[in-house]
Amino acid sequence: MATLGSRYLTLADKFKRTENGKTAAEIIEMMSETNEVLQDANALQCNDGSNHITTIRTGLPSAVFRKLYGYVPSSKSSTEQVKDVTGMLETYSIVDVDLVDKCENPKLFRLSESSAFIEAMNQKLQETIFYGSIKENAAAFDGLSARYSKISSDSKKIGSNIIDAGGKSTDNTSIWFVTWGDLHTSLLYPQGSLAGIQHKDDGIMTETSSTGGKRKVYQDHFKMDVGLSVRDWRSTCRIANLSIAELKAGSSVDIEELLNQAYYKIRRFAKTGKTFIYCNSTVLMYFEAQLKAKTNVNFTIKEYLNENILHYKNIPIRECEQITNDEPAVV
């Protein structure tokens, strides 16, 4: 499975290659500090304005043995077109003029004051990548859970890449194997935009309170046009219905066995991308407790992005707190 940085560009990489992209790259890197997904994902420009159209092969043509003077029946492959949309994620940072003007470096101070707003965008983006649904919010985009939402025994359907961990209640969580890459899963940004995020310094504005009072403020506008494309669903897998109550009770749920099943689901199809495992800290805590009772060569502590983290068969395991512990059962 290829190294992401050598083959695909992340959002920060895209910004650094654009003119006047220094501030924007700094903003992306601020978002990446607590958003593991943003550090890992590749960025792909839409091929249809603010939408991205992907043709997915759903069936292969037939091949037959032919006798001398015999005939070969005509056949063709079957395909399906998928259109992915992008949504506009926005926030405004407001800082009192007098507070800014008294600082030695006003621009740097305003950027630091904007960190809370950038973090709000960060968390919303990560949440939408996993749980976004156009049915629930037409302005957003479909995340991974909306796509991997129904278990299927048909190997030609996306639901076959959902592994059932057995939880039946509403206290479940998921572990995700996500393969990032242009031929796999990608974050999208519209044609003509700067990799999906824009920062505009609106300068000094006048704010009016509900009682008519006024004040002068500096206003910064942050906007990120972003979507998600799953070009090859076979290289991403969801381990669903992992019951938190059962983990707490010390049940026989074997997380390693679930990871093994997911690994062999995607292994053949993920070779041209970079795969990551995403779970929240609760799962990781119980998982590490299970590992203490085992001697296992499939797990190693290795460096990734200047941090030593757990790897499963050389796949980084990334801690993502936006993956919740209250998922309903996937059936």
C-alpha atoms as a PDB file:
ATOM      1  CA  MET A   1       0.000   0.000   0.000  1.00  0.00           C
ATOM      2  CA  ALA A   2       1.623   3.218  -1.215  1.00  0.00           C
ATOM      3  CA  THR A   3       2.867   6.101   0.915  1.00  0.00           C
ATOM      4  CA  LEU A   4       0.358   8.917   0.639  1.00  0.00           C
ATOM      5  CA  GLY A   5       2.778  11.817   0.644  1.00  0.00           C
ATOM      6  CA  SER A   6       4.806  10.494  -2.279  1.00  0.00           C
ATOM      7  CA  ARG A   7       1.821   9.958  -4.560  1.00  0.00           C
ATOM      8  CA  TYR A   8      -1.087  12.149  -3.506  1.00  0.00           C
ATOM      9  CA  LEU A   9      -1.365  15.764  -2.348  1.00  0.00           C
ATOM     10  CA  THR A  10      -3.067  16.660   0.931  1.00  0.00           C
ATOM     11  CA  LEU A  11      -4.993  19.913   1.363  1.00  0.00           C
ATOM     12  CA  ALA A  12      -1.972  21.599   2.972  1.00  0.00           C
ATOM     13  CA  ASP A  13       0.223  20.447   0.073  1.00  0.00           C
ATOM     14  CA  LYS A  14      -2.231  21.947  -2.411  1.00  0.00           C
ATOM     15  CA  PHE A  15      -2.173  25.280  -0.599  1.00  0.00           C
ATOM     16  CA  LYS A  16       1.598  25.492  -0.421  1.00  0.00           C
ATOM     17  CA  ARG A  17       1.718  25.175  -4.205  1.00  0.00           C
ATOM     18  CA  THR A  18      -0.668  28.065  -4.777  1.00  0.00           C
ATOM     19  CA  GLU A  19       0.308  31.703  -4.984  1.00  0.00           C
ATOM     20  CA  ASN A  20      -0.298  33.561  -1.694  1.00  0.00           C
ATOM     21  CA  GLY A  21      -1.140  30.245  -0.087  1.00  0.00           C
ATOM     22  CA  LYS A  22       1.059  30.639   3.016  1.00  0.00           C
ATOM     23  CA  THR A  23      -1.689  31.820   5.375  1.00  0.00           C
ATOM     24  CA  ALA A  24      -4.150  29.292   4.023  1.00  0.00           C
ATOM     25  CA  ALA A  25      -1.643  26.468   4.515  1.00  0.00           C
ATOM     26  CA  GLU A  26      -1.129  27.622   8.100  1.00  0.00           C
ATOM     27  CA  ILE A  27      -4.898  27.441   8.649  1.00  0.00           C
ATOM     28  CA  ILE A  28      -5.056  23.935   7.200  1.00  0.00           C
ATOM     29  CA  GLU A  29      -2.197  22.872   9.435  1.00  0.00           C
ATOM     30  CA  MET A  30      -3.980  24.351  12.459  1.00  0.00           C
ATOM     31  CA  MET A  31      -6.995  22.237  11.542  1.00  0.00           C
ATOM     32  CA  SER A  32      -4.798  19.171  11.095  1.00  0.00           C
ATOM     33  CA  GLU A  33      -3.428  19.389  14.639  1.00  0.00           C
ATOM     34  CA  THR A  34      -6.533  17.652  16.011  1.00  0.00           C
ATOM     35  CA  ASN A  35      -7.966  16.194  12.816  1.00  0.00           C
ATOM     36  CA  GLU A  36      -6.195  12.979  11.943  1.00  0.00           C
ATOM     37  CA  VAL A  37      -8.365  12.477   8.858  1.00  0.00           C
ATOM     38  CA  LEU A  38      -7.265  15.798   7.379  1.00  0.00           C
ATOM     39  CA  GLN A  39      -3.621  14.818   7.852  1.00  0.00           C
ATOM     40  CA  ASP A  40      -4.162  11.539   6.017  1.00  0.00           C
ATOM     41  CA  ALA A  41      -6.629  12.282   3.223  1.00  0.00           C
ATOM     42  CA  ASN A  42      -5.735  13.211  -0.329  1.00  0.00           C
ATOM     43  CA  ALA A  43      -7.439  16.134  -2.079  1.00  0.00           C
ATOM     44  CA  LEU A  44      -9.040  15.720  -5.497  1.00  0.00           C
ATOM     45  CA  GLN A  45     -10.447  18.490  -7.696  1.00  0.00           C
ATOM     46  CA  CYS A  46     -14.017  17.972  -8.877  1.00  0.00           C
ATOM     47  CA  ASN A  47     -14.471  17.172 -12.558  1.00  0.00           C
ATOM     48  CA  ASP A  48     -17.898  18.817 -12.901  1.00  0.00           C
ATOM     49  CA  GLY A  49     -17.769  22.231 -11.271  1.00  0.00           C
ATOM     50  CA  SER A  50     -18.760  21.754  -7.627  1.00  0.00           C
ATOM     51  CA  ASN A  51     -19.732  18.120  -8.287  1.00  0.00           C
ATOM     52  CA  HIS A  52     -17.642  15.058  -9.022  1.00  0.00           C
ATOM     53  CA  ILE A  53     -18.867  12.330 -11.364  1.00  0.00           C
ATOM     54  CA  THR A  54     -17.371   8.861 -11.031  1.00  0.00           C
ATOM     55  CA  THR A  55     -18.032   5.871 -13.267  1.00  0.00           C
ATOM     56  CA  ILE A  56     -17.916   2.641 -11.275  1.00  0.00           C
ATOM     57  CA  ARG A  57     -17.687  -0.760 -12.957  1.00  0.00           C
ATOM     58  CA  THR A  58     -20.344  -3.020 -11.463  1.00  0.00           C
ATOM     59  CA  GLY A  59     -19.908  -6.078 -13.685  1.00  0.00           C
ATOM     60  CA  LEU A  60     -17.321  -7.669 -15.963  1.00  0.00           C
ATOM     61  CA  PRO A  61     -17.829  -8.918 -19.530  1.00  0.00           C
ATOM     62  CA  SER A  62     -17.948 -12.674 -20.020  1.00  0.00           C
ATOM     63  CA  ALA A  63     -15.179 -14.794 -21.529  1.00  0.00           C
ATOM     64  CA  VAL A  64     -15.706 -18.249 -23.036  1.00  0.00           C
ATOM     65  CA  PHE A  65     -13.687 -21.080 -24.530  1.00  0.00           C
ATOM     66  CA  ARG A  66     -14.267 -21.459 -28.293  1.00  0.00           C
ATOM     67  CA  LYS A  67     -13.945 -24.545 -30.501  1.00  0.00           C
ATOM     68  CA  LEU A  68     -12.591 -24.254 -34.042  1.00  0.00           C
ATOM     69  CA  TYR A  69     -15.160 -22.529 -36.249  1.00  0.00           C
ATOM     70  CA  GLY A  70     -17.236 -21.783 -33.189  1.00  0.00           C
ATOM     71  CA  TYR A  71     -18.549 -18.351 -32.191  1.00  0.00           C
ATOM     72  CA  VAL A  72     -17.950 -16.134 -29.173  1.00  0.00           C
ATOM     73  CA  PRO A  73     -21.096 -14.447 -27.844  1.00  0.00           C
ATOM     74  CA  SER A  74     -20.979 -10.667 -27.524  1.00  0.00           C
ATOM     75  CA  SER A  75     -20.818  -9.247 -24.030  1.00  0.00           C
ATOM     76  CA  LYS A  76     -20.018  -5.988 -22.291  1.00  0.00           C
ATOM     77  CA  SER A  77     -19.211  -4.712 -18.845  1.00  0.00           C
ATOM     78  CA  SER A  78     -21.796  -2.903 -16.734  1.00  0.00           C
ATOM     79  CA  THR A  79     -21.105   0.456 -15.105  1.00  0.00           C
ATOM     80  CA  GLU A  80     -22.851   2.928 -12.854  1.00  0.00           C
ATOM     81  CA  GLN A  81     -22.363   6.691 -12.557  1.00  0.00           C
ATOM     82  CA  VAL A  82     -22.171   8.300  -9.126  1.00  0.00           C
ATOM     83  CA  LYS A  83     -22.355  12.058  -8.567  1.00  0.00           C
ATOM     84  CA  ASP A  84     -20.776  13.406  -5.380  1.00  0.00           C
ATOM     85  CA  VAL A  85     -21.495  16.951  -4.240  1.00  0.00           C
ATOM     86  CA  THR A  86     -19.517  19.453  -2.216  1.00  0.00           C
ATOM     87  CA  GLY A  87     -20.843  21.571   0.628  1.00  0.00           C
ATOM     88  CA  MET A  88     -19.828  24.981   1.973  1.00  0.00           C
ATOM     89  CA  LEU A  89     -18.519  24.882   5.534  1.00  0.00           C
ATOM     90  CA  GLU A  90     -18.222  28.403   6.963  1.00  0.00           C
ATOM     91  CA  THR A  91     -17.522  30.366  10.144  1.00  0.00           C
ATOM     92  CA  TYR A  92     -16.750  33.967  11.151  1.00  0.00           C
ATOM     93  CA  SER A  93     -14.198  35.147  13.719  1.00  0.00           C
ATOM     94  CA  ILE A  94     -14.956  38.449  15.449  1.00  0.00           C
ATOM     95  CA  VAL A  95     -12.386  40.300  17.606  1.00  0.00           C
ATOM     96  CA  ASP A  96     -12.703  43.725  19.242  1.00  0.00           C
ATOM     97  CA  VAL A  97     -10.699  46.392  17.364  1.00  0.00           C
ATOM     98  CA  ASP A  98      -9.082  47.860  20.498  1.00  0.00           C
ATOM     99  CA  LEU A  99      -7.854  44.435  21.609  1.00  0.00           C
ATOM    100  CA  VAL A 100      -6.181  43.803  18.231  1.00  0.00           C
ATOM    101  CA  ASP A 101      -4.678  47.246  17.766  1.00  0.00           C
ATOM    102  CA  LYS A 102      -2.825  47.052  21.086  1.00  0.00           C
ATOM    103  CA  CYS A 103      -0.953  43.912  19.988  1.00  0.00           C
ATOM    104  CA  GLU A 104       2.593  43.931  18.630  1.00  0.00           C
ATOM    105  CA  ASN A 105       1.607  41.614  15.745  1.00  0.00           C
ATOM    106  CA  PRO A 106      -2.108  42.212  15.017  1.00  0.00           C
ATOM    107  CA  LYS A 107      -2.370  39.694  12.157  1.00  0.00           C
ATOM    108  CA  LEU A 108      -0.814  36.875  14.169  1.00  0.00           C
ATOM    109  CA  PHE A 109      -3.038  37.734  17.137  1.00  0.00           C
ATOM    110  CA  ARG A 110      -6.154  37.612  14.971  1.00  0.00           C
ATOM    111  CA  LEU A 111      -5.132  34.231  13.596  1.00  0.00           C
ATOM    112  CA  SER A 112      -4.567  32.876  17.110  1.00  0.00           C
ATOM    113  CA  GLU A 113      -7.950  34.240  18.218  1.00  0.00           C
ATOM    114  CA  SER A 114      -9.503  32.472  15.228  1.00  0.00           C
ATOM    115  CA  SER A 115      -8.238  29.082  16.410  1.00  0.00           C
ATOM    116  CA  ALA A 116     -11.499  28.262  18.222  1.00  0.00           C
ATOM    117  CA  PHE A 117     -13.487  28.956  15.053  1.00  0.00           C
ATOM    118  CA  ILE A 118     -11.076  26.897  12.965  1.00  0.00           C
ATOM    119  CA  GLU A 119     -11.396  24.058  15.490  1.00  0.00           C
ATOM    120  CA  ALA A 120     -15.196  24.218  15.143  1.00  0.00           C
ATOM    121  CA  MET A 121     -14.790  23.798  11.378  1.00  0.00           C
ATOM    122  CA  ASN A 122     -12.307  21.014  12.009  1.00  0.00           C
ATOM    123  CA  GLN A 123     -14.701  19.011  14.184  1.00  0.00           C
ATOM    124  CA  LYS A 124     -17.664  19.585  11.885  1.00  0.00           C
ATOM    125  CA  LEU A 125     -15.681  18.441   8.850  1.00  0.00           C
ATOM    126  CA  GLN A 126     -14.468  15.280  10.558  1.00  0.00           C
ATOM    127  CA  GLU A 127     -17.983  14.522  11.815  1.00  0.00           C
ATOM    128  CA  THR A 128     -19.396  14.968   8.311  1.00  0.00           C
ATOM    129  CA  ILE A 129     -16.776  12.712   6.728  1.00  0.00           C
ATOM    130  CA  PHE A 130     -18.088   9.881   8.892  1.00  0.00           C
ATOM    131  CA  TYR A 131     -21.745  10.798   9.444  1.00  0.00           C
ATOM    132  CA  GLY A 132     -22.776  13.375   6.850  1.00  0.00           C
ATOM    133  CA  SER A 133     -26.116  12.782   5.144  1.00  0.00           C
ATOM    134  CA  ILE A 134     -27.716  14.799   2.370  1.00  0.00           C
ATOM    135  CA  LYS A 135     -31.108  13.458   3.492  1.00  0.00           C
ATOM    136  CA  GLU A 136     -30.617  15.122   6.885  1.00  0.00           C
ATOM    137  CA  ASN A 137     -28.819  18.241   5.630  1.00  0.00           C
ATOM    138  CA  ALA A 138     -29.107  19.040   1.938  1.00  0.00           C
ATOM    139  CA  ALA A 139     -26.288  21.605   2.217  1.00  0.00           C
ATOM    140  CA  ALA A 140     -23.744  18.987   3.340  1.00  0.00           C
ATOM    141  CA  PHE A 141     -22.454  15.805   1.660  1.00  0.00           C
ATOM    142  CA  ASP A 142     -22.848  12.089   2.225  1.00  0.00           C
ATOM    143  CA  GLY A 143     -20.212  10.706   4.569  1.00  0.00           C
ATOM    144  CA  LEU A 144     -18.962   7.169   4.894  1.00  0.00           C
ATOM    145  CA  SER A 145     -21.767   5.911   7.158  1.00  0.00           C
ATOM    146  CA  ALA A 146     -24.409   7.028   4.664  1.00  0.00           C
ATOM    147  CA  ARG A 147     -22.705   4.880   2.021  1.00  0.00           C
ATOM    148  CA  TYR A 148     -21.791   1.883   4.173  1.00  0.00           C
ATOM    149  CA  SER A 149     -25.233   1.785   5.782  1.00  0.00           C
ATOM    150  CA  LYS A 150     -26.758  -1.634   5.069  1.00  0.00           C
ATOM    151  CA  ILE A 151     -25.122  -5.048   5.441  1.00  0.00           C
ATOM    152  CA  SER A 152     -25.233  -7.273   2.365  1.00  0.00           C
ATOM    153  CA  SER A 153     -24.074 -10.790   1.553  1.00  0.00           C
ATOM    154  CA  ASP A 154     -23.818  -9.858  -2.143  1.00  0.00           C
ATOM    155  CA  SER A 155     -20.129  -9.326  -2.960  1.00  0.00           C
ATOM    156  CA  LYS A 156     -21.118  -6.905  -5.733  1.00  0.00           C
ATOM    157  CA  LYS A 157     -22.738  -4.489  -3.278  1.00  0.00           C
ATOM    158  CA  ILE A 158     -21.070  -1.985  -0.976  1.00  0.00           C
ATOM    159  CA  GLY A 159     -22.767  -3.570   2.029  1.00  0.00           C
ATOM    160  CA  SER A 160     -20.535  -6.607   1.695  1.00  0.00           C
ATOM    161  CA  ASN A 161     -17.722  -4.434   3.052  1.00  0.00           C
ATOM    162  CA  ILE A 162     -19.529  -3.988   6.357  1.00  0.00           C
ATOM    163  CA  ILE A 163     -18.513  -6.425   9.087  1.00  0.00           C
ATOM    164  CA  ASP A 164     -21.068  -7.046  11.833  1.00  0.00           C
ATOM    165  CA  ALA A 165     -19.491  -7.026  15.319  1.00  0.00           C
ATOM    166  CA  GLY A 166     -22.761  -8.197  16.872  1.00  0.00           C
ATOM    167  CA  GLY A 167     -24.062  -5.168  18.789  1.00  0.00           C
ATOM    168  CA  LYS A 168     -27.864  -4.882  18.739  1.00  0.00           C
ATOM    169  CA  SER A 169     -28.566  -1.757  20.807  1.00  0.00           C
ATOM    170  CA  THR A 170     -27.819   1.939  20.210  1.00  0.00           C
ATOM    171  CA  ASP A 171     -24.510   2.113  22.086  1.00  0.00           C
ATOM    172  CA  ASN A 172     -22.429   0.962  19.155  1.00  0.00           C
ATOM    173  CA  THR A 173     -19.378   2.387  17.465  1.00  0.00           C
ATOM    174  CA  SER A 174     -17.439   1.607  14.282  1.00  0.00           C
ATOM    175  CA  ILE A 175     -13.874   0.948  13.250  1.00  0.00           C
ATOM    176  CA  TRP A 176     -13.039   2.094   9.733  1.00  0.00           C
ATOM    177  CA  PHE A 177     -10.420   0.899   7.264  1.00  0.00           C
ATOM    178  CA  VAL A 178     -10.208   3.832   4.826  1.00  0.00           C
ATOM    179  CA  THR A 179      -7.944   3.775   1.787  1.00  0.00           C
ATOM    180  CA  TRP A 180      -7.151   7.282   0.546  1.00  0.00           C
ATOM    181  CA  GLY A 181      -6.098   7.890  -3.051  1.00  0.00           C
ATOM    182  CA  ASP A 182      -7.395   9.212  -6.361  1.00  0.00           C
ATOM    183  CA  LEU A 183      -8.644   5.729  -7.301  1.00  0.00           C
ATOM    184  CA  HIS A 184     -10.101   5.068  -3.839  1.00  0.00           C
ATOM    185  CA  THR A 185     -11.543   7.546  -1.317  1.00  0.00           C
ATOM    186  CA  SER A 186     -10.795  11.270  -1.630  1.00  0.00           C
ATOM    187  CA  LEU A 187     -11.785  14.618  -0.213  1.00  0.00           C
ATOM    188  CA  LEU A 188     -13.137  16.854  -2.964  1.00  0.00           C
ATOM    189  CA  TYR A 189     -12.823  20.542  -3.697  1.00  0.00           C
ATOM    190  CA  PRO A 190     -14.636  22.408  -6.496  1.00  0.00           C
ATOM    191  CA  GLN A 191     -13.031  23.518  -9.718  1.00  0.00           C
ATOM    192  CA  GLY A 192     -11.631  27.017  -9.358  1.00  0.00           C
ATOM    193  CA  SER A 193     -11.392  26.953  -5.555  1.00  0.00           C
ATOM    194  CA  LEU A 194      -8.221  26.822  -3.505  1.00  0.00           C
ATOM    195  CA  ALA A 195      -8.406  23.188  -2.412  1.00  0.00           C
ATOM    196  CA  GLY A 196     -11.723  23.832  -0.761  1.00  0.00           C
ATOM    197  CA  ILE A 197     -10.823  26.484   1.817  1.00  0.00           C
ATOM    198  CA  GLN A 198     -10.747  30.250   1.610  1.00  0.00           C
ATOM    199  CA  HIS A 199      -9.873  32.904   4.170  1.00  0.00           C
ATOM    200  CA  LYS A 200     -11.081  36.462   3.707  1.00  0.00           C
ATOM    201  CA  ASP A 201     -10.027  39.361   5.911  1.00  0.00           C
ATOM    202  CA  ASP A 202     -13.188  41.491   6.032  1.00  0.00           C
ATOM    203  CA  GLY A 203     -11.325  44.229   7.909  1.00  0.00           C
ATOM    204  CA  ILE A 204     -13.107  46.504  10.380  1.00  0.00           C
ATOM    205  CA  MET A 205     -16.878  45.989  10.640  1.00  0.00           C
ATOM    206  CA  THR A 206     -19.551  47.575  12.829  1.00  0.00           C
ATOM    207  CA  GLU A 207     -21.525  45.170  15.006  1.00  0.00           C
ATOM    208  CA  THR A 208     -24.946  46.117  16.358  1.00  0.00           C
ATOM    209  CA  SER A 209     -26.369  44.472  19.464  1.00  0.00           C
ATOM    210  CA  SER A 210     -30.020  43.512  19.943  1.00  0.00           C
ATOM    211  CA  THR A 211     -30.526  46.722  21.950  1.00  0.00           C
ATOM    212  CA  GLY A 212     -28.990  48.953  19.280  1.00  0.00           C
ATOM    213  CA  GLY A 213     -25.509  49.298  20.759  1.00  0.00           C
ATOM    214  CA  LYS A 214     -22.568  49.382  18.365  1.00  0.00           C
ATOM    215  CA  ARG A 215     -18.909  48.391  18.407  1.00  0.00           C
ATOM    216  CA  LYS A 216     -16.028  48.091  15.958  1.00  0.00           C
ATOM    217  CA  VAL A 217     -14.572  44.632  15.321  1.00  0.00           C
ATOM    218  CA  TYR A 218     -12.164  42.886  13.016  1.00  0.00           C
ATOM    219  CA  GLN A 219     -13.914  40.136  11.090  1.00  0.00           C
ATOM    220  CA  ASP A 220     -12.364  37.061   9.436  1.00  0.00           C
ATOM    221  CA  HIS A 221     -14.393  34.762   7.219  1.00  0.00           C
ATOM    222  CA  PHE A 222     -13.349  31.115   6.854  1.00  0.00           C
ATOM    223  CA  LYS A 223     -14.989  28.996   4.195  1.00  0.00           C
ATOM    224  CA  MET A 224     -14.241  25.476   3.039  1.00  0.00           C
ATOM    225  CA  ASP A 225     -15.903  23.921  -0.001  1.00  0.00           C
ATOM    226  CA  VAL A 226     -15.494  20.204   0.559  1.00  0.00           C
ATOM    227  CA  GLY A 227     -17.010  16.863  -0.350  1.00  0.00           C
ATOM    228  CA  LEU A 228     -16.195  13.167  -0.332  1.00  0.00           C
ATOM    229  CA  SER A 229     -15.807  10.655  -3.155  1.00  0.00           C
ATOM    230  CA  VAL A 230     -15.618   6.875  -2.755  1.00  0.00           C
ATOM    231  CA  ARG A 231     -14.471   5.723  -6.160  1.00  0.00           C
ATOM    232  CA  ASP A 232     -13.711   2.114  -5.209  1.00  0.00           C
ATOM    233  CA  TRP A 233     -15.779   0.997  -2.221  1.00  0.00           C
ATOM    234  CA  ARG A 234     -13.894  -2.314  -2.091  1.00  0.00           C
ATOM    235  CA  SER A 235     -10.799  -0.637  -0.590  1.00  0.00           C
ATOM    236  CA  THR A 236     -12.685   0.780   2.400  1.00  0.00           C
ATOM    237  CA  CYS A 237     -14.389  -1.330   5.076  1.00  0.00           C
ATOM    238  CA  ARG A 238     -16.592  -0.600   8.074  1.00  0.00           C
ATOM    239  CA  ILE A 239     -16.568  -2.735  11.216  1.00  0.00           C
ATOM    240  CA  ALA A 240     -20.008  -1.824  12.567  1.00  0.00           C
ATOM    241  CA  ASN A 241     -22.092  -2.717  15.636  1.00  0.00           C
ATOM    242  CA  LEU A 242     -19.167  -2.779  18.054  1.00  0.00           C
ATOM    243  CA  SER A 243     -20.997  -2.575  21.389  1.00  0.00           C
ATOM    244  CA  ILE A 244     -19.388  -0.296  23.980  1.00  0.00           C
ATOM    245  CA  ALA A 245     -21.398  -1.967  26.768  1.00  0.00           C
ATOM    246  CA  GLU A 246     -20.051  -5.372  25.779  1.00  0.00           C
ATOM    247  CA  LEU A 247     -16.475  -4.073  25.677  1.00  0.00           C
ATOM    248  CA  LYS A 248     -16.883  -2.576  29.155  1.00  0.00           C
ATOM    249  CA  ALA A 249     -18.346  -5.843  30.427  1.00  0.00           C
ATOM    250  CA  GLY A 250     -15.288  -7.744  29.208  1.00  0.00           C
ATOM    251  CA  SER A 251     -17.202  -9.692  26.600  1.00  0.00           C
ATOM    252  CA  SER A 252     -15.679 -12.065  24.088  1.00  0.00           C
ATOM    253  CA  VAL A 253     -15.675  -9.444  21.301  1.00  0.00           C
ATOM    254  CA  ASP A 254     -12.276 -10.000  19.681  1.00  0.00           C
ATOM    255  CA  ILE A 255     -11.211  -6.711  18.076  1.00  0.00           C
ATOM    256  CA  GLU A 256      -8.150  -8.284  16.501  1.00  0.00           C
ATOM    257  CA  GLU A 257     -10.271 -10.866  14.698  1.00  0.00           C
ATOM    258  CA  LEU A 258     -12.542  -8.102  13.392  1.00  0.00           C
ATOM    259  CA  LEU A 259      -9.518  -6.185  12.100  1.00  0.00           C
ATOM    260  CA  ASN A 260      -8.281  -9.330  10.414  1.00  0.00           C
ATOM    261  CA  GLN A 261     -11.592  -9.800   8.607  1.00  0.00           C
ATOM    262  CA  ALA A 262     -11.550  -6.178   7.420  1.00  0.00           C
ATOM    263  CA  TYR A 263      -7.932  -6.423   6.297  1.00  0.00           C
ATOM    264  CA  TYR A 264      -8.672  -9.343   4.004  1.00  0.00           C
ATOM    265  CA  LYS A 265     -11.773  -7.593   2.668  1.00  0.00           C
ATOM    266  CA  ILE A 266      -9.730  -4.706   1.291  1.00  0.00           C
ATOM    267  CA  ARG A 267      -6.211  -6.090   0.838  1.00  0.00           C
ATOM    268  CA  ARG A 268      -6.411  -6.885  -2.901  1.00  0.00           C
ATOM    269  CA  PHE A 269      -8.053  -3.578  -3.782  1.00  0.00           C
ATOM    270  CA  ALA A 270      -6.057  -1.126  -1.651  1.00  0.00           C
ATOM    271  CA  LYS A 271      -2.616  -1.585  -3.183  1.00  0.00           C
ATOM    272  CA  THR A 272      -2.528   1.727  -5.076  1.00  0.00           C
ATOM    273  CA  GLY A 273      -3.654   3.860  -2.136  1.00  0.00           C
ATOM    274  CA  LYS A 274      -2.761   4.434   1.496  1.00  0.00           C
ATOM    275  CA  THR A 275      -4.895   2.731   4.147  1.00  0.00           C
ATOM    276  CA  PHE A 276      -5.594   3.973   7.674  1.00  0.00           C
ATOM    277  CA  ILE A 277      -7.629   2.523  10.530  1.00  0.00           C
ATOM    278  CA  TYR A 278      -9.875   4.976  12.397  1.00  0.00           C
ATOM    279  CA  CYS A 279     -11.498   4.406  15.786  1.00  0.00           C
ATOM    280  CA  ASN A 280     -12.192   6.463  18.889  1.00  0.00           C
ATOM    281  CA  SER A 281     -10.206   6.453  22.128  1.00  0.00           C
ATOM    282  CA  THR A 282     -12.689   4.156  23.906  1.00  0.00           C
ATOM    283  CA  VAL A 283     -12.172   1.385  21.364  1.00  0.00           C
ATOM    284  CA  LEU A 284      -8.420   1.938  21.338  1.00  0.00           C
ATOM    285  CA  MET A 285      -8.282   1.679  25.138  1.00  0.00           C
ATOM    286  CA  TYR A 286     -10.106  -1.661  25.255  1.00  0.00           C
ATOM    287  CA  PHE A 287      -8.176  -2.898  22.241  1.00  0.00           C
ATOM    288  CA  GLU A 288      -4.815  -2.224  23.875  1.00  0.00           C
ATOM    289  CA  ALA A 289      -6.058  -4.012  26.999  1.00  0.00           C
ATOM    290  CA  GLN A 290      -6.884  -7.057  24.862  1.00  0.00           C
ATOM    291  CA  LEU A 291      -3.441  -6.950  23.264  1.00  0.00           C
ATOM    292  CA  LYS A 292      -1.696  -7.120  26.644  1.00  0.00           C
ATOM    293  CA  ALA A 293      -2.996 -10.649  27.033  1.00  0.00           C
ATOM    294  CA  LYS A 294      -1.581 -11.724  23.671  1.00  0.00           C
ATOM    295  CA  THR A 295       1.743 -12.181  21.966  1.00  0.00           C
ATOM    296  CA  ASN A 296       1.134 -10.795  18.525  1.00  0.00           C
ATOM    297  CA  VAL A 297       3.494  -9.908  15.707  1.00  0.00           C
ATOM    298  CA  ASN A 298       0.761  -8.197  13.678  1.00  0.00           C
ATOM    299  CA  PHE A 299       0.947  -5.089  15.876  1.00  0.00           C
ATOM    300  CA  THR A 300       3.878  -2.728  16.136  1.00  0.00           C
ATOM    301  CA  ILE A 301       4.563   0.752  17.490  1.00  0.00           C
ATOM    302  CA  LYS A 302       5.922   2.808  14.594  1.00  0.00           C
ATOM    303  CA  GLU A 303       6.479   6.458  13.787  1.00  0.00           C
ATOM    304  CA  TYR A 304       3.922   8.304  11.704  1.00  0.00           C
ATOM    305  CA  LEU A 305       3.964  12.112  11.330  1.00  0.00           C
ATOM    306  CA  ASN A 306       6.542  12.423  14.118  1.00  0.00           C
ATOM    307  CA  GLU A 307       4.440  10.425  16.559  1.00  0.00           C
ATOM    308  CA  ASN A 308       4.802   6.815  17.691  1.00  0.00           C
ATOM    309  CA  ILE A 309       1.448   5.090  17.179  1.00  0.00           C
ATOM    310  CA  LEU A 310       0.067   1.570  16.987  1.00  0.00           C
ATOM    311  CA  HIS A 311       0.077  -0.110  13.574  1.00  0.00           C
ATOM    312  CA  TYR A 312      -1.784  -3.222  12.495  1.00  0.00           C
ATOM    313  CA  LYS A 313       0.034  -5.049   9.683  1.00  0.00           C
ATOM    314  CA  ASN A 314       1.824  -1.755   8.957  1.00  0.00           C
ATOM    315  CA  ILE A 315      -1.478   0.183   8.783  1.00  0.00           C
ATOM    316  CA  PRO A 316      -1.531   3.224  11.130  1.00  0.00           C
ATOM    317  CA  ILE A 317      -4.335   3.165  13.725  1.00  0.00           C
ATOM    318  CA  ARG A 318      -5.623   6.720  14.055  1.00  0.00           C
ATOM    319  CA  GLU A 319      -7.594   8.024  17.047  1.00  0.00           C
ATOM    320  CA  CYS A 320     -10.692   9.944  15.948  1.00  0.00           C
ATOM    321  CA  GLU A 321     -13.048  11.318  18.601  1.00  0.00           C
ATOM    322  CA  GLN A 322     -15.706  12.275  16.070  1.00  0.00           C
ATOM    323  CA  ILE A 323     -16.546   8.567  15.709  1.00  0.00           C
ATOM    324  CA  THR A 324     -19.299   8.268  18.302  1.00  0.00           C
ATOM    325  CA  ASN A 325     -20.333   5.600  20.813  1.00  0.00           C
ATOM    326  CA  ASP A 326     -24.059   5.937  20.152  1.00  0.00           C
ATOM    327  CA  GLU A 327     -24.484   4.541  16.662  1.00  0.00           C
ATOM    328  CA  PRO A 328     -27.683   2.564  16.016  1.00  0.00           C
ATOM    329  CA  ALA A 329     -27.278  -1.035  14.905  1.00  0.00           C
ATOM    330  CA  VAL A 330     -26.487  -1.469  11.207  1.00  0.00           C
ATOM    331  CA  VAL A 331     -28.503  -4.280   9.670  1.00  0.00           C
END
